[in-house]
Amino acid sequence: MSMIQEFKSFAMKGNVADMAVGIIIGAAFGKIVSSMVNDVIMPPLGLLIGGVDFSSLGVTLRSAADGTPATVLKYGVFINTIVDFIIVALAIFLVVRGMNALRKKQEEAPAAPPAPSKQEVLLGEIRDLLKAGKH
């Protein structure tokens, strides 16, 4: 089998298409979560912690000289990234928890008993006729 045929066989499998759709949906969902964190959660959180912005924190390892920029260890940006990650993880946890609660409620709802099969209906009619014939 040639490499092109092998690739075509691989690419046309349902798993690859499903994975591609999942990646695209995941990227779009990532944008939604990022917007929720940056535009909805962070502004009130910034007010609560007094507008602290860690991104300006850093240590200069080498000063700028002769046109070369300074070498700065920006640990504040790292701290901001960690805080963002924790907030995103918490937000996703809450969304998944809510979805699981809804799913659980749907599963707990009592399902209607299945309709009897044709055989059961016929056997019931025969039983009723036999009972009626004895009296």
Protein backbone atom coordinates (compact mmCIF):
# COMPACT_ATOMS: atom_id res chain seq x y z
CA MET A 1 0.00 0.00 0.00
CA SER A 2 1.44 3.37 -0.96
CA MET A 3 1.95 6.09 1.58
CA ILE A 4 -0.72 8.28 -0.06
CA GLN A 5 -3.33 5.51 0.12
CA GLU A 6 -2.37 4.79 3.70
CA PHE A 7 -2.73 8.47 4.61
CA LYS A 8 -6.08 8.68 2.80
CA SER A 9 -7.31 5.65 4.75
CA PHE A 10 -6.15 7.21 8.01
CA ALA A 11 -7.59 10.67 7.29
CA MET A 12 -10.98 9.32 6.24
CA LYS A 13 -11.57 7.39 9.46
CA GLY A 14 -14.29 8.80 11.69
CA ASN A 15 -11.90 9.24 14.61
CA VAL A 16 -9.82 11.84 12.77
CA ALA A 17 -12.86 13.86 11.74
CA ASP A 18 -14.26 13.70 15.28
CA MET A 19 -10.92 14.77 16.68
CA ALA A 20 -10.72 17.71 14.25
CA VAL A 21 -14.19 18.87 15.24
CA GLY A 22 -13.25 18.54 18.92
CA ILE A 23 -10.11 20.61 18.44
CA ILE A 24 -12.01 23.36 16.61
CA ILE A 25 -14.76 23.43 19.25
CA GLY A 26 -12.11 23.38 21.99
CA ALA A 27 -10.33 26.38 20.46
CA ALA A 28 -13.60 28.30 20.25
CA PHE A 29 -14.47 27.33 23.83
CA GLY A 30 -11.01 28.48 24.91
CA LYS A 31 -11.77 31.93 23.49
CA ILE A 32 -15.05 32.03 25.41
CA VAL A 33 -13.34 31.04 28.66
CA SER A 34 -10.52 33.57 28.09
CA SER A 35 -13.07 36.32 27.50
CA MET A 36 -15.00 35.30 30.60
CA VAL A 37 -11.81 35.44 32.70
CA ASN A 38 -10.42 38.67 31.22
CA ASP A 39 -13.69 40.59 30.79
CA VAL A 40 -16.00 39.26 33.51
CA ILE A 41 -13.99 37.74 36.37
CA MET A 42 -10.75 39.75 36.43
CA PRO A 43 -12.23 43.30 36.65
CA PRO A 44 -14.13 42.68 39.92
CA LEU A 45 -11.23 40.59 41.23
CA GLY A 46 -8.90 43.48 40.43
CA LEU A 47 -11.13 45.79 42.46
CA LEU A 48 -11.15 43.36 45.37
CA ILE A 49 -7.37 43.05 45.52
CA GLY A 50 -6.83 46.77 45.02
CA GLY A 51 -5.90 46.76 41.34
CA VAL A 52 -2.69 44.83 41.89
CA ASP A 53 -1.01 44.02 38.59
CA PHE A 54 1.82 41.56 38.92
CA SER A 55 2.96 41.93 35.30
CA SER A 56 5.24 44.86 36.15
CA LEU A 57 7.21 42.82 38.69
CA GLY A 58 10.61 41.65 37.56
CA VAL A 59 14.33 41.57 38.21
CA THR A 60 16.78 43.18 35.80
CA LEU A 61 19.59 40.73 35.15
CA ARG A 62 21.50 43.01 32.79
CA SER A 63 20.87 46.67 32.12
CA ALA A 64 20.39 48.01 28.64
CA ALA A 65 23.63 49.12 27.05
CA ASP A 66 24.78 50.18 23.60
CA GLY A 67 21.43 49.55 21.93
CA THR A 68 20.90 46.09 23.41
CA PRO A 69 17.74 45.78 25.46
CA ALA A 70 17.84 44.95 29.13
CA THR A 71 17.55 41.32 30.18
CA VAL A 72 14.68 41.14 32.63
CA LEU A 73 13.34 38.14 34.55
CA LYS A 74 9.58 38.90 34.45
CA TYR A 75 8.29 36.76 37.28
CA GLY A 76 5.22 38.99 37.61
CA VAL A 77 3.94 37.87 34.21
CA PHE A 78 4.41 34.28 35.37
CA ILE A 79 2.39 35.01 38.52
CA ASN A 80 -0.38 36.57 36.39
CA THR A 81 -0.41 33.50 34.17
CA ILE A 82 -0.72 31.20 37.18
CA VAL A 83 -3.60 33.29 38.59
CA ASP A 84 -5.31 33.24 35.17
CA PHE A 85 -4.88 29.45 35.00
CA ILE A 86 -6.38 28.95 38.45
CA ILE A 87 -9.36 31.15 37.57
CA VAL A 88 -9.88 29.36 34.23
CA ALA A 89 -9.60 25.95 35.91
CA LEU A 90 -12.13 27.01 38.56
CA ALA A 91 -14.52 28.40 35.92
CA ILE A 92 -14.31 25.21 33.84
CA PHE A 93 -14.79 23.11 36.98
CA LEU A 94 -17.95 25.04 37.85
CA VAL A 95 -19.32 24.70 34.30
CA VAL A 96 -18.63 20.95 34.20
CA ARG A 97 -20.09 20.54 37.69
CA GLY A 98 -23.26 22.32 36.58
CA MET A 99 -23.51 20.17 33.45
CA ASN A 100 -23.06 17.00 35.52
CA ALA A 101 -25.80 18.14 37.91
CA LEU A 102 -28.18 18.70 35.00
CA ARG A 103 -27.28 15.34 33.50
CA LYS A 104 -27.84 13.65 36.88
CA LYS A 105 -31.31 15.22 37.18
CA GLN A 106 -32.21 13.92 33.72
CA GLU A 107 -31.01 10.43 34.62
CA GLU A 108 -32.93 10.46 37.91
CA ALA A 109 -36.21 11.33 36.21
CA PRO A 110 -38.28 8.13 36.18
CA ALA A 111 -38.68 6.80 32.70
CA ALA A 112 -42.06 5.58 31.56
CA PRO A 113 -42.29 1.81 31.61
CA PRO A 114 -41.74 0.34 28.17
CA ALA A 115 -44.83 -0.57 26.20
CA PRO A 116 -45.60 -4.29 26.29
CA SER A 117 -44.56 -6.27 23.26
CA LYS A 118 -47.12 -7.73 20.85
CA GLN A 119 -46.57 -11.15 22.38
CA GLU A 120 -47.32 -9.87 25.86
CA VAL A 121 -50.48 -8.13 24.64
CA LEU A 122 -51.69 -11.29 22.91
CA LEU A 123 -50.92 -13.43 25.97
CA GLY A 124 -52.85 -10.98 28.13
CA GLU A 125 -55.84 -11.17 25.80
CA ILE A 126 -55.72 -14.98 25.85
CA ARG A 127 -55.55 -14.92 29.65
CA ASP A 128 -58.54 -12.57 29.83
CA LEU A 129 -60.54 -14.77 27.42
CA LEU A 130 -59.74 -17.89 29.45
CA LYS A 131 -60.81 -16.17 32.67
CA ALA A 132 -64.03 -14.98 31.04
CA GLY A 133 -64.79 -18.47 29.71
CA LYS A 134 -64.54 -20.13 33.17
CA HIS A 135 -67.29 -18.04 34.76
